[in-house]
Amino acid sequence: MRALVIDDSRAVRMIIGNILREAGMDVLEAGDGQQGVNQLDENPDIELILVDWNMPVMNGYEFIQAVRAQQMYDHIRIMMVTTEAESEQVTKALNAGANEYLMKPFTKEVLIAKLSMLDVLEY
């Protein structure tokens, strides 16, 4: 499975990427939502996206809206991974088309559990 991690923090991309690689996934990265759109256009086999909310250029909420506006990406599972903890933000992301929501900081076990809920792990 090919996954895309979108976060403006290189450290966070590395941490999430390592967990996904350990789970057997091929991982691509992007530093903002626009780079994420570009990666998606260049890699139509992406099946999972983990995206931060707060980023420059295009934030995660705008990214989700852009992706969900294109029917050819309906099959992609999207998880918002962010420090935004208010229930309004969670609802907003889910209504925009996120399949799951994970709050930072998180543990490897919690991320794996969320991925299992999305039925994307290849164990």
PDB file of N, CA and C in Angstrom:
ATOM      1  N   MET A   1       0.849  -1.183   0.000  1.00  0.00           N
ATOM      2  CA  MET A   1       0.000   0.000   0.000  1.00  0.00           C
ATOM      3  C   MET A   1       0.887   1.237   0.000  1.00  0.00           C
ATOM      4  N   ARG A   2       0.474   2.239  -0.763  1.00  0.00           N
ATOM      5  CA  ARG A   2       1.223   3.495  -0.822  1.00  0.00           C
ATOM      6  C   ARG A   2       0.482   4.549   0.003  1.00  0.00           C
ATOM      7  N   ALA A   3       1.229   5.207   0.890  1.00  0.00           N
ATOM      8  CA  ALA A   3       0.678   6.238   1.769  1.00  0.00           C
ATOM      9  C   ALA A   3       1.389   7.563   1.533  1.00  0.00           C
ATOM     10  N   LEU A   4       0.675   8.639   1.800  1.00  0.00           N
ATOM     11  CA  LEU A   4       1.217   9.987   1.689  1.00  0.00           C
ATOM     12  C   LEU A   4       1.081  10.679   3.036  1.00  0.00           C
ATOM     13  N   VAL A   5       2.204  11.201   3.559  1.00  0.00           N
ATOM     14  CA  VAL A   5       2.211  11.929   4.819  1.00  0.00           C
ATOM     15  C   VAL A   5       2.448  13.398   4.499  1.00  0.00           C
ATOM     16  N   ILE A   6       1.492  14.242   4.898  1.00  0.00           N
ATOM     17  CA  ILE A   6       1.583  15.674   4.622  1.00  0.00           C
ATOM     18  C   ILE A   6       1.643  16.427   5.945  1.00  0.00           C
ATOM     19  N   ASP A   7       2.778  17.051   6.202  1.00  0.00           N
ATOM     20  CA  ASP A   7       2.974  17.822   7.436  1.00  0.00           C
ATOM     21  C   ASP A   7       4.119  18.789   7.192  1.00  0.00           C
ATOM     22  N   ASP A   8       4.002  20.010   7.719  1.00  0.00           N
ATOM     23  CA  ASP A   8       5.077  20.977   7.517  1.00  0.00           C
ATOM     24  C   ASP A   8       6.268  20.719   8.433  1.00  0.00           C
ATOM     25  N   SER A   9       6.119  19.814   9.380  1.00  0.00           N
ATOM     26  CA  SER A   9       7.229  19.428  10.252  1.00  0.00           C
ATOM     27  C   SER A   9       7.923  18.194   9.678  1.00  0.00           C
ATOM     28  N   ARG A  10       9.168  18.357   9.332  1.00  0.00           N
ATOM     29  CA  ARG A  10       9.938  17.232   8.797  1.00  0.00           C
ATOM     30  C   ARG A  10      10.041  16.099   9.817  1.00  0.00           C
ATOM     31  N   ALA A  11      10.187  16.476  11.093  1.00  0.00           N
ATOM     32  CA  ALA A  11      10.294  15.471  12.163  1.00  0.00           C
ATOM     33  C   ALA A  11       9.021  14.632  12.255  1.00  0.00           C
ATOM     34  N   VAL A  12       7.863  15.281  12.175  1.00  0.00           N
ATOM     35  CA  VAL A  12       6.595  14.547  12.242  1.00  0.00           C
ATOM     36  C   VAL A  12       6.453  13.638  11.028  1.00  0.00           C
ATOM     37  N   ARG A  13       6.817  14.133   9.844  1.00  0.00           N
ATOM     38  CA  ARG A  13       6.768  13.288   8.644  1.00  0.00           C
ATOM     39  C   ARG A  13       7.652  12.064   8.824  1.00  0.00           C
ATOM     40  N   MET A  14       8.814  12.250   9.416  1.00  0.00           N
ATOM     41  CA  MET A  14       9.740  11.141   9.616  1.00  0.00           C
ATOM     42  C   MET A  14       9.170  10.121  10.609  1.00  0.00           C
ATOM     43  N   ILE A  15       8.610  10.598  11.704  1.00  0.00           N
ATOM     44  CA  ILE A  15       8.048   9.706  12.729  1.00  0.00           C
ATOM     45  C   ILE A  15       6.891   8.888  12.152  1.00  0.00           C
ATOM     46  N   ILE A  16       5.940   9.565  11.522  1.00  0.00           N
ATOM     47  CA  ILE A  16       4.795   8.858  10.941  1.00  0.00           C
ATOM     48  C   ILE A  16       5.264   7.936   9.823  1.00  0.00           C
ATOM     49  N   GLY A  17       6.158   8.438   8.978  1.00  0.00           N
ATOM     50  CA  GLY A  17       6.670   7.627   7.872  1.00  0.00           C
ATOM     51  C   GLY A  17       7.324   6.352   8.335  1.00  0.00           C
ATOM     52  N   ASN A  18       8.110   6.443   9.398  1.00  0.00           N
ATOM     53  CA  ASN A  18       8.772   5.243   9.930  1.00  0.00           C
ATOM     54  C   ASN A  18       7.765   4.219  10.438  1.00  0.00           C
ATOM     55  N   ILE A  19       6.721   4.687  11.111  1.00  0.00           N
ATOM     56  CA  ILE A  19       5.684   3.772  11.615  1.00  0.00           C
ATOM     57  C   ILE A  19       4.983   3.087  10.444  1.00  0.00           C
ATOM     58  N   LEU A  20       4.673   3.862   9.411  1.00  0.00           N
ATOM     59  CA  LEU A  20       3.994   3.284   8.241  1.00  0.00           C
ATOM     60  C   LEU A  20       4.892   2.302   7.506  1.00  0.00           C
ATOM     61  N   ARG A  21       6.176   2.627   7.384  1.00  0.00           N
ATOM     62  CA  ARG A  21       7.115   1.710   6.718  1.00  0.00           C
ATOM     63  C   ARG A  21       7.226   0.405   7.496  1.00  0.00           C
ATOM     64  N   GLU A  22       7.278   0.508   8.830  1.00  0.00           N
ATOM     65  CA  GLU A  22       7.327  -0.703   9.659  1.00  0.00           C
ATOM     66  C   GLU A  22       6.086  -1.567   9.437  1.00  0.00           C
ATOM     67  N   ALA A  23       4.978  -0.914   9.094  1.00  0.00           N
ATOM     68  CA  ALA A  23       3.728  -1.636   8.843  1.00  0.00           C
ATOM     69  C   ALA A  23       3.659  -2.158   7.405  1.00  0.00           C
ATOM     70  N   GLY A  24       4.745  -1.964   6.647  1.00  0.00           N
ATOM     71  CA  GLY A  24       4.822  -2.516   5.302  1.00  0.00           C
ATOM     72  C   GLY A  24       4.367  -1.599   4.188  1.00  0.00           C
ATOM     73  N   MET A  25       4.217  -0.313   4.476  1.00  0.00           N
ATOM     74  CA  MET A  25       3.735   0.620   3.460  1.00  0.00           C
ATOM     75  C   MET A  25       4.884   1.335   2.754  1.00  0.00           C
ATOM     76  N   ASP A  26       4.624   1.717   1.528  1.00  0.00           N
ATOM     77  CA  ASP A  26       5.503   2.589   0.759  1.00  0.00           C
ATOM     78  C   ASP A  26       5.038   4.007   1.071  1.00  0.00           C
ATOM     79  N   VAL A  27       5.960   4.890   1.503  1.00  0.00           N
ATOM     80  CA  VAL A  27       5.570   6.205   2.009  1.00  0.00           C
ATOM     81  C   VAL A  27       6.149   7.335   1.162  1.00  0.00           C
ATOM     82  N   LEU A  28       5.273   8.258   0.796  1.00  0.00           N
ATOM     83  CA  LEU A  28       5.655   9.505   0.148  1.00  0.00           C
ATOM     84  C   LEU A  28       5.394  10.633   1.136  1.00  0.00           C
ATOM     85  N   GLU A  29       6.072  11.773   0.945  1.00  0.00           N
ATOM     86  CA  GLU A  29       5.925  12.892   1.869  1.00  0.00           C
ATOM     87  C   GLU A  29       5.676  14.194   1.127  1.00  0.00           C
ATOM     88  N   ALA A  30       5.028  15.135   1.839  1.00  0.00           N
ATOM     89  CA  ALA A  30       4.814  16.486   1.338  1.00  0.00           C
ATOM     90  C   ALA A  30       4.825  17.445   2.516  1.00  0.00           C
ATOM     91  N   GLY A  31       5.322  18.665   2.292  1.00  0.00           N
ATOM     92  CA  GLY A  31       5.453  19.653   3.361  1.00  0.00           C
ATOM     93  C   GLY A  31       4.270  20.584   3.516  1.00  0.00           C
ATOM     94  N   ASP A  32       3.321  20.555   2.578  1.00  0.00           N
ATOM     95  CA  ASP A  32       2.101  21.348   2.695  1.00  0.00           C
ATOM     96  C   ASP A  32       1.041  20.738   1.786  1.00  0.00           C
ATOM     97  N   GLY A  33      -0.168  21.259   1.874  1.00  0.00           N
ATOM     98  CA  GLY A  33      -1.264  20.690   1.113  1.00  0.00           C
ATOM     99  C   GLY A  33      -1.077  20.756  -0.390  1.00  0.00           C
ATOM    100  N   GLN A  34      -0.490  21.840  -0.884  1.00  0.00           N
ATOM    101  CA  GLN A  34      -0.283  21.944  -2.328  1.00  0.00           C
ATOM    102  C   GLN A  34       0.712  20.895  -2.813  1.00  0.00           C
ATOM    103  N   GLN A  35       1.789  20.692  -2.049  1.00  0.00           N
ATOM    104  CA  GLN A  35       2.723  19.621  -2.397  1.00  0.00           C
ATOM    105  C   GLN A  35       2.019  18.268  -2.341  1.00  0.00           C
ATOM    106  N   GLY A  36       1.087  18.128  -1.401  1.00  0.00           N
ATOM    107  CA  GLY A  36       0.312  16.897  -1.296  1.00  0.00           C
ATOM    108  C   GLY A  36      -0.541  16.663  -2.524  1.00  0.00           C
ATOM    109  N   VAL A  37      -1.198  17.719  -3.023  1.00  0.00           N
ATOM    110  CA  VAL A  37      -1.989  17.610  -4.253  1.00  0.00           C
ATOM    111  C   VAL A  37      -1.087  17.195  -5.411  1.00  0.00           C
ATOM    112  N   ASN A  38       0.091  17.804  -5.494  1.00  0.00           N
ATOM    113  CA  ASN A  38       1.040  17.456  -6.556  1.00  0.00           C
ATOM    114  C   ASN A  38       1.459  15.989  -6.470  1.00  0.00           C
ATOM    115  N   GLN A  39       1.759  15.510  -5.255  1.00  0.00           N
ATOM    116  CA  GLN A  39       2.144  14.108  -5.057  1.00  0.00           C
ATOM    117  C   GLN A  39       1.006  13.177  -5.484  1.00  0.00           C
ATOM    118  N   LEU A  40      -0.206  13.555  -5.130  1.00  0.00           N
ATOM    119  CA  LEU A  40      -1.370  12.735  -5.471  1.00  0.00           C
ATOM    120  C   LEU A  40      -1.555  12.675  -6.986  1.00  0.00           C
ATOM    121  N   ASP A  41      -1.388  13.810  -7.653  1.00  0.00           N
ATOM    122  CA  ASP A  41      -1.504  13.840  -9.113  1.00  0.00           C
ATOM    123  C   ASP A  41      -0.436  12.964  -9.784  1.00  0.00           C
ATOM    124  N   GLU A  42       0.762  12.930  -9.199  1.00  0.00           N
ATOM    125  CA  GLU A  42       1.873  12.165  -9.766  1.00  0.00           C
ATOM    126  C   GLU A  42       1.846  10.692  -9.373  1.00  0.00           C
ATOM    127  N   ASN A  43       1.092  10.354  -8.329  1.00  0.00           N
ATOM    128  CA  ASN A  43       1.059   8.990  -7.790  1.00  0.00           C
ATOM    129  C   ASN A  43      -0.390   8.553  -7.563  1.00  0.00           C
ATOM    130  N   PRO A  44      -1.098   8.212  -8.631  1.00  0.00           N
ATOM    131  CA  PRO A  44      -2.513   7.869  -8.491  1.00  0.00           C
ATOM    132  C   PRO A  44      -2.780   6.583  -7.705  1.00  0.00           C
ATOM    133  N   ASP A  45      -1.716   5.846  -7.345  1.00  0.00           N
ATOM    134  CA  ASP A  45      -1.900   4.612  -6.580  1.00  0.00           C
ATOM    135  C   ASP A  45      -1.889   4.837  -5.064  1.00  0.00           C
ATOM    136  N   ILE A  46      -1.841   6.082  -4.626  1.00  0.00           N
ATOM    137  CA  ILE A  46      -1.906   6.378  -3.182  1.00  0.00           C
ATOM    138  C   ILE A  46      -3.270   5.928  -2.658  1.00  0.00           C
ATOM    139  N   GLU A  47      -3.240   5.210  -1.531  1.00  0.00           N
ATOM    140  CA  GLU A  47      -4.482   4.697  -0.943  1.00  0.00           C
ATOM    141  C   GLU A  47      -4.773   5.258   0.445  1.00  0.00           C
ATOM    142  N   LEU A  48      -3.762   5.895   1.061  1.00  0.00           N
ATOM    143  CA  LEU A  48      -3.902   6.420   2.417  1.00  0.00           C
ATOM    144  C   LEU A  48      -3.173   7.748   2.500  1.00  0.00           C
ATOM    145  N   ILE A  49      -3.824   8.741   3.123  1.00  0.00           N
ATOM    146  CA  ILE A  49      -3.191  10.044   3.339  1.00  0.00           C
ATOM    147  C   ILE A  49      -3.351  10.419   4.800  1.00  0.00           C
ATOM    148  N   LEU A  50      -2.240  10.813   5.422  1.00  0.00           N
ATOM    149  CA  LEU A  50      -2.259  11.367   6.771  1.00  0.00           C
ATOM    150  C   LEU A  50      -1.846  12.822   6.633  1.00  0.00           C
ATOM    151  N   VAL A  51      -2.707  13.728   7.047  1.00  0.00           N
ATOM    152  CA  VAL A  51      -2.484  15.148   6.782  1.00  0.00           C
ATOM    153  C   VAL A  51      -2.668  15.989   8.042  1.00  0.00           C
ATOM    154  N   ASP A  52      -1.748  16.931   8.233  1.00  0.00           N
ATOM    155  CA  ASP A  52      -1.812  17.897   9.325  1.00  0.00           C
ATOM    156  C   ASP A  52      -2.814  18.989   8.962  1.00  0.00           C
ATOM    157  N   TRP A  53      -3.348  19.674   9.957  1.00  0.00           N
ATOM    158  CA  TRP A  53      -4.274  20.763   9.703  1.00  0.00           C
ATOM    159  C   TRP A  53      -3.516  22.050   9.399  1.00  0.00           C
ATOM    160  N   ASN A  54      -2.636  22.443  10.312  1.00  0.00           N
ATOM    161  CA  ASN A  54      -1.982  23.751  10.245  1.00  0.00           C
ATOM    162  C   ASN A  54      -0.693  23.693   9.446  1.00  0.00           C
ATOM    163  N   MET A  55      -0.766  24.187   8.199  1.00  0.00           N
ATOM    164  CA  MET A  55       0.404  24.217   7.316  1.00  0.00           C
ATOM    165  C   MET A  55       0.315  25.467   6.446  1.00  0.00           C
ATOM    166  N   PRO A  56       1.460  25.930   5.943  1.00  0.00           N
ATOM    167  CA  PRO A  56       1.439  27.065   5.018  1.00  0.00           C
ATOM    168  C   PRO A  56       0.940  26.636   3.635  1.00  0.00           C
ATOM    169  N   VAL A  57       0.728  27.586   2.773  1.00  0.00           N
ATOM    170  CA  VAL A  57       0.318  27.420   1.378  1.00  0.00           C
ATOM    171  C   VAL A  57      -1.107  26.874   1.274  1.00  0.00           C
ATOM    172  N   MET A  58      -1.307  25.614   1.634  1.00  0.00           N
ATOM    173  CA  MET A  58      -2.641  24.999   1.668  1.00  0.00           C
ATOM    174  C   MET A  58      -2.717  24.155   2.928  1.00  0.00           C
ATOM    175  N   ASN A  59      -3.665  24.483   3.822  1.00  0.00           N
ATOM    176  CA  ASN A  59      -3.755  23.719   5.068  1.00  0.00           C
ATOM    177  C   ASN A  59      -4.463  22.383   4.835  1.00  0.00           C
ATOM    178  N   GLY A  60      -4.476  21.557   5.864  1.00  0.00           N
ATOM    179  CA  GLY A  60      -5.032  20.216   5.738  1.00  0.00           C
ATOM    180  C   GLY A  60      -6.520  20.191   5.445  1.00  0.00           C
ATOM    181  N   TYR A  61      -7.250  21.122   6.029  1.00  0.00           N
ATOM    182  CA  TYR A  61      -8.690  21.196   5.763  1.00  0.00           C
ATOM    183  C   TYR A  61      -8.941  21.520   4.294  1.00  0.00           C
ATOM    184  N   GLU A  62      -8.219  22.494   3.760  1.00  0.00           N
ATOM    185  CA  GLU A  62      -8.345  22.852   2.348  1.00  0.00           C
ATOM    186  C   GLU A  62      -7.922  21.687   1.448  1.00  0.00           C
ATOM    187  N   PHE A  63      -6.888  20.963   1.880  1.00  0.00           N
ATOM    188  CA  PHE A  63      -6.432  19.787   1.124  1.00  0.00           C
ATOM    189  C   PHE A  63      -7.533  18.733   1.041  1.00  0.00           C
ATOM    190  N   ILE A  64      -8.155  18.438   2.170  1.00  0.00           N
ATOM    191  CA  ILE A  64      -9.221  17.437   2.187  1.00  0.00           C
ATOM    192  C   ILE A  64     -10.363  17.865   1.269  1.00  0.00           C
ATOM    193  N   GLN A  65     -10.730  19.126   1.334  1.00  0.00           N
ATOM    194  CA  GLN A  65     -11.797  19.621   0.460  1.00  0.00           C
ATOM    195  C   GLN A  65     -11.421  19.449  -1.014  1.00  0.00           C
ATOM    196  N   ALA A  66     -10.178  19.768  -1.345  1.00  0.00           N
ATOM    197  CA  ALA A  66      -9.724  19.655  -2.734  1.00  0.00           C
ATOM    198  C   ALA A  66      -9.748  18.202  -3.207  1.00  0.00           C
ATOM    199  N   VAL A  67      -9.295  17.290  -2.358  1.00  0.00           N
ATOM    200  CA  VAL A  67      -9.266  15.877  -2.724  1.00  0.00           C
ATOM    201  C   VAL A  67     -10.684  15.319  -2.849  1.00  0.00           C
ATOM    202  N   ARG A  68     -11.528  15.620  -1.898  1.00  0.00           N
ATOM    203  CA  ARG A  68     -12.894  15.081  -1.914  1.00  0.00           C
ATOM    204  C   ARG A  68     -13.755  15.697  -3.019  1.00  0.00           C
ATOM    205  N   ALA A  69     -13.311  16.799  -3.598  1.00  0.00           N
ATOM    206  CA  ALA A  69     -14.032  17.407  -4.717  1.00  0.00           C
ATOM    207  C   ALA A  69     -13.813  16.617  -6.013  1.00  0.00           C
ATOM    208  N   GLN A  70     -12.843  15.708  -6.003  1.00  0.00           N
ATOM    209  CA  GLN A  70     -12.527  14.916  -7.189  1.00  0.00           C
ATOM    210  C   GLN A  70     -12.929  13.460  -6.950  1.00  0.00           C
ATOM    211  N   GLN A  71     -13.931  13.021  -7.675  1.00  0.00           N
ATOM    212  CA  GLN A  71     -14.502  11.693  -7.467  1.00  0.00           C
ATOM    213  C   GLN A  71     -13.478  10.578  -7.629  1.00  0.00           C
ATOM    214  N   MET A  72     -12.460  10.776  -8.463  1.00  0.00           N
ATOM    215  CA  MET A  72     -11.478   9.706  -8.690  1.00  0.00           C
ATOM    216  C   MET A  72     -10.671   9.394  -7.434  1.00  0.00           C
ATOM    217  N   TYR A  73     -10.752  10.260  -6.419  1.00  0.00           N
ATOM    218  CA  TYR A  73     -10.025  10.027  -5.162  1.00  0.00           C
ATOM    219  C   TYR A  73     -10.932   9.538  -4.036  1.00  0.00           C
ATOM    220  N   ASP A  74     -12.167   9.172  -4.352  1.00  0.00           N
ATOM    221  CA  ASP A  74     -13.114   8.741  -3.319  1.00  0.00           C
ATOM    222  C   ASP A  74     -12.619   7.529  -2.535  1.00  0.00           C
ATOM    223  N   HIS A  75     -11.825   6.672  -3.169  1.00  0.00           N
ATOM    224  CA  HIS A  75     -11.369   5.426  -2.526  1.00  0.00           C
ATOM    225  C   HIS A  75     -10.264   5.662  -1.489  1.00  0.00           C
ATOM    226  N   ILE A  76      -9.649   6.825  -1.501  1.00  0.00           N
ATOM    227  CA  ILE A  76      -8.509   7.099  -0.613  1.00  0.00           C
ATOM    228  C   ILE A  76      -8.997   7.335   0.809  1.00  0.00           C
ATOM    229  N   ARG A  77      -8.332   6.690   1.756  1.00  0.00           N
ATOM    230  CA  ARG A  77      -8.600   6.912   3.174  1.00  0.00           C
ATOM    231  C   ARG A  77      -7.765   8.106   3.625  1.00  0.00           C
ATOM    232  N   ILE A  78      -8.404   9.054   4.322  1.00  0.00           N
ATOM    233  CA  ILE A  78      -7.706  10.246   4.796  1.00  0.00           C
ATOM    234  C   ILE A  78      -7.838  10.334   6.316  1.00  0.00           C
ATOM    235  N   MET A  79      -6.690  10.497   6.981  1.00  0.00           N
ATOM    236  CA  MET A  79      -6.666  10.700   8.426  1.00  0.00           C
ATOM    237  C   MET A  79      -6.061  12.073   8.716  1.00  0.00           C
ATOM    238  N   MET A  80      -6.814  12.906   9.427  1.00  0.00           N
ATOM    239  CA  MET A  80      -6.299  14.193   9.881  1.00  0.00           C
ATOM    240  C   MET A  80      -5.478  13.920  11.139  1.00  0.00           C
ATOM    241  N   VAL A  81      -4.215  14.365  11.144  1.00  0.00           N
ATOM    242  CA  VAL A  81      -3.321  14.171  12.286  1.00  0.00           C
ATOM    243  C   VAL A  81      -2.874  15.563  12.727  1.00  0.00           C
ATOM    244  N   THR A  82      -3.390  16.039  13.863  1.00  0.00           N
ATOM    245  CA  THR A  82      -3.202  17.445  14.206  1.00  0.00           C
ATOM    246  C   THR A  82      -3.273  17.711  15.697  1.00  0.00           C
ATOM    247  N   THR A  83      -2.869  18.911  16.077  1.00  0.00           N
ATOM    248  CA  THR A  83      -2.992  19.358  17.462  1.00  0.00           C
ATOM    249  C   THR A  83      -4.351  20.002  17.707  1.00  0.00           C
ATOM    250  N   GLU A  84      -5.127  20.219  16.649  1.00  0.00           N
ATOM    251  CA  GLU A  84      -6.462  20.824  16.789  1.00  0.00           C
ATOM    252  C   GLU A  84      -7.359  19.844  17.543  1.00  0.00           C
ATOM    253  N   ALA A  85      -7.715  20.192  18.774  1.00  0.00           N
ATOM    254  CA  ALA A  85      -8.407  19.243  19.642  1.00  0.00           C
ATOM    255  C   ALA A  85      -9.877  19.581  19.884  1.00  0.00           C
ATOM    256  N   GLU A  86     -10.333  20.765  19.459  1.00  0.00           N
ATOM    257  CA  GLU A  86     -11.727  21.131  19.715  1.00  0.00           C
ATOM    258  C   GLU A  86     -12.668  20.241  18.909  1.00  0.00           C
ATOM    259  N   SER A  87     -13.789  19.887  19.514  1.00  0.00           N
ATOM    260  CA  SER A  87     -14.734  18.998  18.837  1.00  0.00           C
ATOM    261  C   SER A  87     -15.258  19.622  17.543  1.00  0.00           C
ATOM    262  N   GLU A  88     -15.343  20.954  17.481  1.00  0.00           N
ATOM    263  CA  GLU A  88     -15.784  21.625  16.250  1.00  0.00           C
ATOM    264  C   GLU A  88     -14.824  21.328  15.098  1.00  0.00           C
ATOM    265  N   GLN A  89     -13.514  21.307  15.393  1.00  0.00           N
ATOM    266  CA  GLN A  89     -12.515  21.046  14.365  1.00  0.00           C
ATOM    267  C   GLN A  89     -12.601  19.595  13.888  1.00  0.00           C
ATOM    268  N   VAL A  90     -12.801  18.680  14.825  1.00  0.00           N
ATOM    269  CA  VAL A  90     -12.949  17.265  14.479  1.00  0.00           C
ATOM    270  C   VAL A  90     -14.147  17.098  13.545  1.00  0.00           C
ATOM    271  N   THR A  91     -15.269  17.679  13.930  1.00  0.00           N
ATOM    272  CA  THR A  91     -16.488  17.586  13.128  1.00  0.00           C
ATOM    273  C   THR A  91     -16.284  18.204  11.751  1.00  0.00           C
ATOM    274  N   LYS A  92     -15.620  19.354  11.709  1.00  0.00           N
ATOM    275  CA  LYS A  92     -15.365  20.045  10.446  1.00  0.00           C
ATOM    276  C   LYS A  92     -14.529  19.168   9.500  1.00  0.00           C
ATOM    277  N   ALA A  93     -13.477  18.543  10.042  1.00  0.00           N
ATOM    278  CA  ALA A  93     -12.609  17.681   9.225  1.00  0.00           C
ATOM    279  C   ALA A  93     -13.369  16.451   8.727  1.00  0.00           C
ATOM    280  N   LEU A  94     -14.135  15.825   9.605  1.00  0.00           N
ATOM    281  CA  LEU A  94     -14.894  14.636   9.215  1.00  0.00           C
ATOM    282  C   LEU A  94     -15.969  14.986   8.180  1.00  0.00           C
ATOM    283  N   ASN A  95     -16.613  16.124   8.358  1.00  0.00           N
ATOM    284  CA  ASN A  95     -17.634  16.553   7.394  1.00  0.00           C
ATOM    285  C   ASN A  95     -17.018  16.889   6.041  1.00  0.00           C
ATOM    286  N   ALA A  96     -15.765  17.338   6.042  1.00  0.00           N
ATOM    287  CA  ALA A  96     -15.075  17.658   4.790  1.00  0.00           C
ATOM    288  C   ALA A  96     -14.663  16.391   4.041  1.00  0.00           C
ATOM    289  N   GLY A  97     -14.597  15.263   4.748  1.00  0.00           N
ATOM    290  CA  GLY A  97     -14.269  14.006   4.083  1.00  0.00           C
ATOM    291  C   GLY A  97     -13.147  13.212   4.705  1.00  0.00           C
ATOM    292  N   ALA A  98     -12.634  13.654   5.857  1.00  0.00           N
ATOM    293  CA  ALA A  98     -11.642  12.837   6.563  1.00  0.00           C
ATOM    294  C   ALA A  98     -12.336  11.576   7.063  1.00  0.00           C
ATOM    295  N   ASN A  99     -11.635  10.451   6.994  1.00  0.00           N
ATOM    296  CA  ASN A  99     -12.194   9.189   7.485  1.00  0.00           C
ATOM    297  C   ASN A  99     -11.894   8.958   8.955  1.00  0.00           C
ATOM    298  N   GLU A 100     -10.841   9.603   9.450  1.00  0.00           N
ATOM    299  CA  GLU A 100     -10.425   9.417  10.840  1.00  0.00           C
ATOM    300  C   GLU A 100      -9.684  10.663  11.290  1.00  0.00           C
ATOM    301  N   TYR A 101      -9.556  10.826  12.611  1.00  0.00           N
ATOM    302  CA  TYR A 101      -8.946  12.014  13.196  1.00  0.00           C
ATOM    303  C   TYR A 101      -8.045  11.569  14.338  1.00  0.00           C
ATOM    304  N   LEU A 102      -6.792  12.004  14.323  1.00  0.00           N
ATOM    305  CA  LEU A 102      -5.827  11.630  15.355  1.00  0.00           C
ATOM    306  C   LEU A 102      -5.176  12.888  15.906  1.00  0.00           C
ATOM    307  N   MET A 103      -5.214  13.040  17.227  1.00  0.00           N
ATOM    308  CA  MET A 103      -4.646  14.229  17.848  1.00  0.00           C
ATOM    309  C   MET A 103      -3.199  14.002  18.266  1.00  0.00           C
ATOM    310  N   LYS A 104      -2.360  15.007  17.984  1.00  0.00           N
ATOM    311  CA  LYS A 104      -0.966  15.004  18.424  1.00  0.00           C
ATOM    312  C   LYS A 104      -0.931  15.528  19.854  1.00  0.00           C
ATOM    313  N   PRO A 105      -0.025  15.058  20.682  1.00  0.00           N
ATOM    314  CA  PRO A 105       0.901  13.960  20.411  1.00  0.00           C
ATOM    315  C   PRO A 105       0.177  12.616  20.498  1.00  0.00           C
ATOM    316  N   PHE A 106       0.717  11.629  19.833  1.00  0.00           N
ATOM    317  CA  PHE A 106       0.131  10.293  19.812  1.00  0.00           C
ATOM    318  C   PHE A 106       1.245   9.275  19.958  1.00  0.00           C
ATOM    319  N   THR A 107       0.868   8.061  20.306  1.00  0.00           N
ATOM    320  CA  THR A 107       1.842   6.981  20.392  1.00  0.00           C
ATOM    321  C   THR A 107       1.739   6.128  19.130  1.00  0.00           C
ATOM    322  N   LYS A 108       2.742   5.328  18.908  1.00  0.00           N
ATOM    323  CA  LYS A 108       2.742   4.396  17.777  1.00  0.00           C
ATOM    324  C   LYS A 108       1.526   3.488  17.868  1.00  0.00           C
ATOM    325  N   GLU A 109       1.221   3.026  19.062  1.00  0.00           N
ATOM    326  CA  GLU A 109       0.103   2.102  19.258  1.00  0.00           C
ATOM    327  C   GLU A 109      -1.231   2.739  18.876  1.00  0.00           C
ATOM    328  N   VAL A 110      -1.399   4.009  19.224  1.00  0.00           N
ATOM    329  CA  VAL A 110      -2.646   4.698  18.890  1.00  0.00           C
ATOM    330  C   VAL A 110      -2.754   4.883  17.382  1.00  0.00           C
ATOM    331  N   LEU A 111      -1.655   5.244  16.725  1.00  0.00           N
ATOM    332  CA  LEU A 111      -1.671   5.388  15.271  1.00  0.00           C
ATOM    333  C   LEU A 111      -2.001   4.049  14.604  1.00  0.00           C
ATOM    334  N   ILE A 112      -1.382   2.978  15.064  1.00  0.00           N
ATOM    335  CA  ILE A 112      -1.650   1.643  14.515  1.00  0.00           C
ATOM    336  C   ILE A 112      -3.124   1.266  14.726  1.00  0.00           C
ATOM    337  N   ALA A 113      -3.666   1.586  15.890  1.00  0.00           N
ATOM    338  CA  ALA A 113      -5.073   1.286  16.159  1.00  0.00           C
ATOM    339  C   ALA A 113      -5.991   2.048  15.202  1.00  0.00           C
ATOM    340  N   LYS A 114      -5.678   3.313  14.957  1.00  0.00           N
ATOM    341  CA  LYS A 114      -6.485   4.117  14.022  1.00  0.00           C
ATOM    342  C   LYS A 114      -6.385   3.545  12.605  1.00  0.00           C
ATOM    343  N   LEU A 115      -5.180   3.129  12.207  1.00  0.00           N
ATOM    344  CA  LEU A 115      -5.007   2.535  10.886  1.00  0.00           C
ATOM    345  C   LEU A 115      -5.783   1.230  10.763  1.00  0.00           C
ATOM    346  N   SER A 116      -5.838   0.468  11.848  1.00  0.00           N
ATOM    347  CA  SER A 116      -6.606  -0.775  11.845  1.00  0.00           C
ATOM    348  C   SER A 116      -8.095  -0.468  11.675  1.00  0.00           C
ATOM    349  N   MET A 117      -8.553   0.609  12.290  1.00  0.00           N
ATOM    350  CA  MET A 117      -9.956   0.993  12.149  1.00  0.00           C
ATOM    351  C   MET A 117     -10.272   1.361  10.699  1.00  0.00           C
ATOM    352  N   LEU A 118      -9.290   1.897  10.000  1.00  0.00           N
ATOM    353  CA  LEU A 118      -9.475   2.247   8.586  1.00  0.00           C
ATOM    354  C   LEU A 118      -9.299   1.044   7.668  1.00  0.00           C
ATOM    355  N   ASP A 119      -8.887  -0.075   8.251  1.00  0.00           N
ATOM    356  CA  ASP A 119      -8.692  -1.326   7.502  1.00  0.00           C
ATOM    357  C   ASP A 119      -7.649  -1.158   6.380  1.00  0.00           C
ATOM    358  N   VAL A 120      -6.514  -0.527   6.747  1.00  0.00           N
ATOM    359  CA  VAL A 120      -5.460  -0.293   5.747  1.00  0.00           C
ATOM    360  C   VAL A 120      -4.160  -1.017   6.070  1.00  0.00           C
ATOM    361  N   LEU A 121      -4.104  -1.724   7.160  1.00  0.00           N
ATOM    362  CA  LEU A 121      -2.870  -2.431   7.508  1.00  0.00           C
ATOM    363  C   LEU A 121      -2.789  -3.754   6.783  1.00  0.00           C
ATOM    364  N   GLU A 122      -1.572  -4.101   6.371  1.00  0.00           N
ATOM    365  CA  GLU A 122      -1.352  -5.341   5.616  1.00  0.00           C
ATOM    366  C   GLU A 122      -0.583  -6.347   6.471  1.00  0.00           C
ATOM    367  N   TYR A 123      -1.137  -6.725   7.595  1.00  0.00           N
ATOM    368  CA  TYR A 123      -0.454  -7.670   8.462  1.00  0.00           C
ATOM    369  C   TYR A 123      -0.823  -9.081   8.103  1.00  0.00           C
TER     370      TYR A 123
END
